[in-house]
Amino acid sequence: MARRASTALAAVLLSSTLLSGGVALAQQQQEWFVPNQQQPAQPQRSAPQRQAPPQRAVQPNPAPLPAGEQPPAPVIGIVDVPEVQRNSTAFNQVREEIEKRRQKLNDDLQREQARWREEQQALANQRGSLSPEDLRSKERDLQERVTDAQRVFRDRSRGIEQAAQQALQEIEQALAVVIRQVATSRKVNIVLPRPLVIYNDPPFDLSPEVSTQLNKILKSVKVAPEESAAPAPAANRPAQSQPQKRN
């Protein structure tokens, strides 16, 4: 149970570090709109299919103690997961790649929003020279392109988070194996995560050895490539027919 608690905490700490930032992007996406026009109802879309996580090797359950036999004396080890991840070349490689993709996504989003603001301002300047039908047509066209871009950016953001999750699962599995191996080599039968321990002498800390062994068996992790591309810039879209001016 102690090993499971350590592994679970490792997963939580790793995930919280790599997967922060998705909410901020979602909040940015809520600001996309066309002035003087209500947002159209978004059609419901089926949830994307997630890839099944890789199968883990099932560890056999230890045989129960015979009746009346005392359990072995506890030999405790401590693992500082944040320290291990700071020293992990694979974890840092994944974090840098995910941060780079998030930054690229944010840059693309900022460029698209700037184009939409320019088009919104252009529409506002043309109100006096366009018929109501032409104005509504242009506003509707812009709204459709904004809605399409919303979907593309959401899909890209979701893909980045899924790629991060898959990479984290591989690191988590390797970390669990290393902790078990290091504990066995030290004849440790209970491993506790560092946040649960108020004080311990250095000999109880397995973190340095865990970090060394993790870097030996897992130097890097392949992050799944991005599939979706950014929406086409407004300047590259087909030009609309020129509206007729009002007499």
Protein backbone atom coordinates (compact mmCIF):
# COMPACT_ATOMS: atom_id res chain seq x y z
CA MET A 1 0.00 0.00 0.00
CA ALA A 2 2.89 2.37 0.75
CA ARG A 3 4.29 1.75 -2.73
CA ARG A 4 0.90 2.49 -4.29
CA ALA A 5 0.60 5.73 -2.27
CA SER A 6 4.04 6.82 -3.40
CA THR A 7 3.25 6.07 -7.04
CA ALA A 8 -0.11 7.85 -6.87
CA LEU A 9 1.48 10.94 -5.35
CA ALA A 10 4.11 10.88 -8.07
CA ALA A 11 1.39 10.90 -10.72
CA VAL A 12 -0.42 13.83 -9.05
CA LEU A 13 2.72 15.92 -8.69
CA LEU A 14 3.91 15.22 -12.21
CA SER A 15 0.49 15.97 -13.72
CA SER A 16 0.00 19.21 -11.80
CA THR A 17 3.34 20.50 -13.06
CA LEU A 18 2.89 19.72 -16.76
CA LEU A 19 -0.83 20.18 -17.20
CA SER A 20 -1.28 23.66 -15.69
CA GLY A 21 -2.35 26.36 -18.11
CA GLY A 22 -5.21 24.65 -19.95
CA VAL A 23 -7.83 26.63 -18.00
CA ALA A 24 -6.27 29.96 -18.99
CA LEU A 25 -6.51 29.04 -22.67
CA ALA A 26 -10.14 28.00 -22.26
CA GLN A 27 -10.90 31.34 -20.60
CA GLN A 28 -9.28 33.17 -23.51
CA GLN A 29 -11.45 31.27 -25.96
CA GLN A 30 -14.61 32.50 -24.22
CA GLU A 31 -13.73 36.07 -25.29
CA TRP A 32 -14.17 35.38 -29.02
CA PHE A 33 -17.20 37.27 -30.31
CA VAL A 34 -18.54 39.53 -33.03
CA PRO A 35 -19.96 42.89 -31.84
CA ASN A 36 -23.69 43.49 -32.13
CA GLN A 37 -24.42 39.85 -32.88
CA GLN A 38 -25.35 37.03 -30.55
CA GLN A 39 -23.25 33.92 -30.46
CA PRO A 40 -24.85 31.02 -32.36
CA ALA A 41 -25.62 27.94 -30.35
CA GLN A 42 -22.69 25.56 -30.41
CA PRO A 43 -23.61 22.10 -31.75
CA GLN A 44 -22.94 19.24 -29.39
CA ARG A 45 -19.92 17.21 -30.39
CA SER A 46 -19.13 13.74 -29.30
CA ALA A 47 -16.21 13.42 -26.90
CA PRO A 48 -12.93 12.52 -28.65
CA GLN A 49 -11.73 8.98 -28.35
CA ARG A 50 -8.80 8.72 -25.98
CA GLN A 51 -6.06 6.28 -26.55
CA ALA A 52 -6.02 3.49 -24.00
CA PRO A 53 -3.05 3.78 -21.62
CA PRO A 54 -0.37 1.15 -22.01
CA GLN A 55 -0.91 -1.99 -20.00
CA ARG A 56 1.08 -2.23 -16.81
CA ALA A 57 2.78 -5.32 -15.59
CA VAL A 58 0.66 -6.82 -12.82
CA GLN A 59 2.66 -7.52 -9.68
CA PRO A 60 1.64 -10.72 -7.92
CA ASN A 61 0.10 -10.19 -4.50
CA PRO A 62 2.31 -11.42 -1.66
CA ALA A 63 1.14 -14.53 0.11
CA PRO A 64 -0.65 -13.83 3.42
CA LEU A 65 1.21 -14.50 6.62
CA PRO A 66 0.45 -17.83 8.28
CA ALA A 67 -1.76 -17.60 11.35
CA GLY A 68 0.16 -16.48 14.41
CA GLU A 69 3.26 -15.34 12.49
CA GLN A 70 4.48 -11.81 13.11
CA PRO A 71 4.94 -9.46 10.14
CA PRO A 72 8.50 -8.42 9.37
CA ALA A 73 9.97 -5.41 11.10
CA PRO A 74 9.30 -2.24 9.09
CA VAL A 75 12.23 -0.82 7.16
CA ILE A 76 11.21 2.63 5.92
CA GLY A 77 12.50 4.63 2.98
CA ILE A 78 11.60 8.17 1.87
CA VAL A 79 11.27 9.44 -1.72
CA ASP A 80 11.04 13.14 -2.53
CA VAL A 81 9.14 13.07 -5.84
CA PRO A 82 9.53 16.81 -6.64
CA GLU A 83 13.29 16.42 -6.25
CA VAL A 84 13.28 13.34 -8.47
CA GLN A 85 11.35 15.14 -11.20
CA ARG A 86 13.65 18.18 -11.02
CA ASN A 87 16.58 15.83 -11.64
CA SER A 88 14.82 13.74 -14.29
CA THR A 89 16.06 14.42 -17.81
CA ALA A 90 12.95 12.76 -19.27
CA PHE A 91 10.57 14.85 -17.18
CA ASN A 92 12.34 18.11 -18.02
CA GLN A 93 12.40 17.19 -21.71
CA VAL A 94 8.65 16.55 -21.70
CA ARG A 95 7.95 19.75 -19.77
CA GLU A 96 9.98 21.86 -22.20
CA GLU A 97 8.25 20.30 -25.21
CA ILE A 98 4.75 20.83 -23.75
CA GLU A 99 5.54 24.41 -22.77
CA LYS A 100 6.86 25.08 -26.28
CA ARG A 101 3.65 23.74 -27.82
CA ARG A 102 1.49 25.78 -25.46
CA GLN A 103 3.45 28.92 -26.31
CA LYS A 104 3.06 28.24 -30.04
CA LEU A 105 -0.67 27.73 -29.56
CA ASN A 106 -0.95 30.96 -27.59
CA ASP A 107 0.98 32.89 -30.25
CA ASP A 108 -1.31 31.56 -32.99
CA LEU A 109 -4.34 32.48 -30.91
CA GLN A 110 -3.10 36.03 -30.35
CA ARG A 111 -2.51 36.51 -34.09
CA GLU A 112 -5.98 35.23 -34.96
CA GLN A 113 -7.61 37.46 -32.35
CA ALA A 114 -5.76 40.48 -33.75
CA ARG A 115 -7.12 39.68 -37.25
CA TRP A 116 -10.64 39.33 -35.90
CA ARG A 117 -10.42 42.70 -34.16
CA GLU A 118 -9.21 44.30 -37.38
CA GLU A 119 -12.13 42.81 -39.32
CA GLN A 120 -14.58 43.85 -36.62
CA GLN A 121 -13.30 47.41 -36.82
CA ALA A 122 -13.50 47.34 -40.62
CA LEU A 123 -17.13 46.24 -40.40
CA ALA A 124 -17.88 49.05 -37.97
CA ASN A 125 -16.37 51.57 -40.40
CA GLN A 126 -18.48 50.20 -43.28
CA ARG A 127 -21.85 50.43 -41.55
CA GLY A 128 -22.72 53.67 -43.29
CA SER A 129 -21.91 52.35 -46.77
CA LEU A 130 -23.37 48.82 -46.56
CA SER A 131 -26.95 47.73 -46.90
CA PRO A 132 -28.39 45.88 -43.88
CA GLU A 133 -28.34 42.62 -45.84
CA ASP A 134 -24.67 43.02 -46.82
CA LEU A 135 -23.71 43.98 -43.27
CA ARG A 136 -25.46 40.95 -41.82
CA SER A 137 -23.81 38.71 -44.43
CA LYS A 138 -20.33 39.99 -43.54
CA GLU A 139 -20.97 39.67 -39.81
CA ARG A 140 -22.29 36.15 -40.30
CA ASP A 141 -19.21 35.17 -42.35
CA LEU A 142 -16.86 36.51 -39.69
CA GLN A 143 -18.80 34.76 -36.93
CA GLU A 144 -18.59 31.45 -38.78
CA ARG A 145 -14.84 31.77 -39.15
CA VAL A 146 -14.46 32.66 -35.47
CA THR A 147 -16.55 29.62 -34.51
CA ASP A 148 -14.46 27.35 -36.73
CA ALA A 149 -11.27 28.74 -35.20
CA GLN A 150 -12.63 28.11 -31.70
CA ARG A 151 -13.03 24.44 -32.53
CA VAL A 152 -9.54 24.20 -34.03
CA PHE A 153 -7.87 25.83 -31.05
CA ARG A 154 -9.84 23.68 -28.59
CA ASP A 155 -8.79 20.55 -30.48
CA ARG A 156 -5.15 21.64 -30.49
CA SER A 157 -5.23 22.40 -26.77
CA ARG A 158 -6.86 19.05 -26.04
CA GLY A 159 -4.24 17.28 -28.15
CA ILE A 160 -1.41 18.94 -26.23
CA GLU A 161 -2.86 17.87 -22.88
CA GLN A 162 -3.40 14.30 -24.09
CA ALA A 163 0.19 14.11 -25.34
CA ALA A 164 1.38 15.35 -21.94
CA GLN A 165 -0.74 12.75 -20.16
CA GLN A 166 0.65 9.91 -22.26
CA ALA A 167 4.23 11.04 -21.63
CA LEU A 168 3.51 11.35 -17.90
CA GLN A 169 2.16 7.81 -17.79
CA GLU A 170 5.42 6.48 -19.19
CA ILE A 171 7.44 8.44 -16.63
CA GLU A 172 5.11 7.35 -13.83
CA GLN A 173 5.50 3.68 -14.74
CA ALA A 174 9.28 3.95 -14.90
CA LEU A 175 9.36 5.77 -11.56
CA ALA A 176 7.28 3.05 -9.89
CA VAL A 177 9.65 0.37 -11.18
CA VAL A 178 12.74 2.28 -10.02
CA ILE A 179 11.33 2.94 -6.54
CA ARG A 180 10.59 -0.77 -6.14
CA GLN A 181 14.05 -1.78 -7.35
CA VAL A 182 15.88 0.70 -5.12
CA ALA A 183 13.74 -0.28 -2.12
CA THR A 184 14.48 -3.96 -2.71
CA SER A 185 18.21 -3.31 -3.01
CA ARG A 186 18.13 -1.50 0.35
CA LYS A 187 15.88 -4.16 1.92
CA VAL A 188 13.24 -1.48 2.43
CA ASN A 189 9.68 -2.77 2.77
CA ILE A 190 7.82 0.54 3.26
CA VAL A 191 8.33 3.64 1.05
CA LEU A 192 6.75 6.95 2.03
CA PRO A 193 6.51 10.17 -0.03
CA ARG A 194 8.47 13.05 1.48
CA PRO A 195 5.43 15.34 2.16
CA LEU A 196 4.07 12.78 4.63
CA VAL A 197 7.25 12.78 6.73
CA ILE A 198 8.04 15.60 9.14
CA TYR A 199 11.63 14.54 9.81
CA ASN A 200 13.98 11.80 8.69
CA ASP A 201 17.69 11.12 8.82
CA PRO A 202 19.51 11.20 5.45
CA PRO A 203 20.08 7.42 5.31
CA PHE A 204 16.31 6.93 4.99
CA ASP A 205 16.14 9.13 1.86
CA LEU A 206 16.12 7.06 -1.35
CA SER A 207 15.65 10.11 -3.61
CA PRO A 208 19.25 10.49 -4.87
CA GLU A 209 19.49 6.84 -5.86
CA VAL A 210 16.01 6.86 -7.39
CA SER A 211 16.96 9.94 -9.46
CA THR A 212 20.17 8.30 -10.66
CA GLN A 213 18.49 5.04 -11.65
CA LEU A 214 15.52 6.79 -13.31
CA ASN A 215 17.89 8.76 -15.54
CA LYS A 216 19.67 5.55 -16.46
CA ILE A 217 16.59 3.66 -17.60
CA LEU A 218 14.58 6.61 -19.00
CA LYS A 219 16.67 9.33 -20.59
CA SER A 220 13.87 10.73 -22.76
CA VAL A 221 10.21 10.23 -23.64
CA LYS A 222 8.74 10.61 -27.12
CA VAL A 223 5.85 13.08 -26.98
CA ALA A 224 3.08 12.34 -29.49
CA PRO A 225 3.17 14.83 -32.39
CA GLU A 226 0.49 17.44 -32.89
CA GLU A 227 -2.12 16.59 -35.51
CA SER A 228 -4.23 19.75 -35.92
CA ALA A 229 -2.98 22.85 -37.67
CA ALA A 230 -3.87 26.44 -36.88
CA PRO A 231 -6.84 27.97 -38.75
CA ALA A 232 -6.02 29.76 -41.98
CA PRO A 233 -5.37 33.46 -41.48
CA ALA A 234 -8.19 35.77 -42.53
CA ALA A 235 -5.95 37.29 -45.20
CA ASN A 236 -5.56 33.89 -46.89
CA ARG A 237 -9.27 33.11 -47.07
CA PRO A 238 -11.27 33.56 -50.30
CA ALA A 239 -12.36 37.13 -50.79
CA GLN A 240 -16.06 37.87 -50.46
CA SER A 241 -17.95 39.44 -53.33
CA GLN A 242 -18.08 43.23 -53.16
CA PRO A 243 -21.32 44.46 -51.54
CA GLN A 244 -23.57 46.88 -53.34
CA LYS A 245 -23.64 50.38 -51.94
CA ARG A 246 -26.92 51.91 -50.95
CA ASN A 247 -28.25 54.64 -53.21
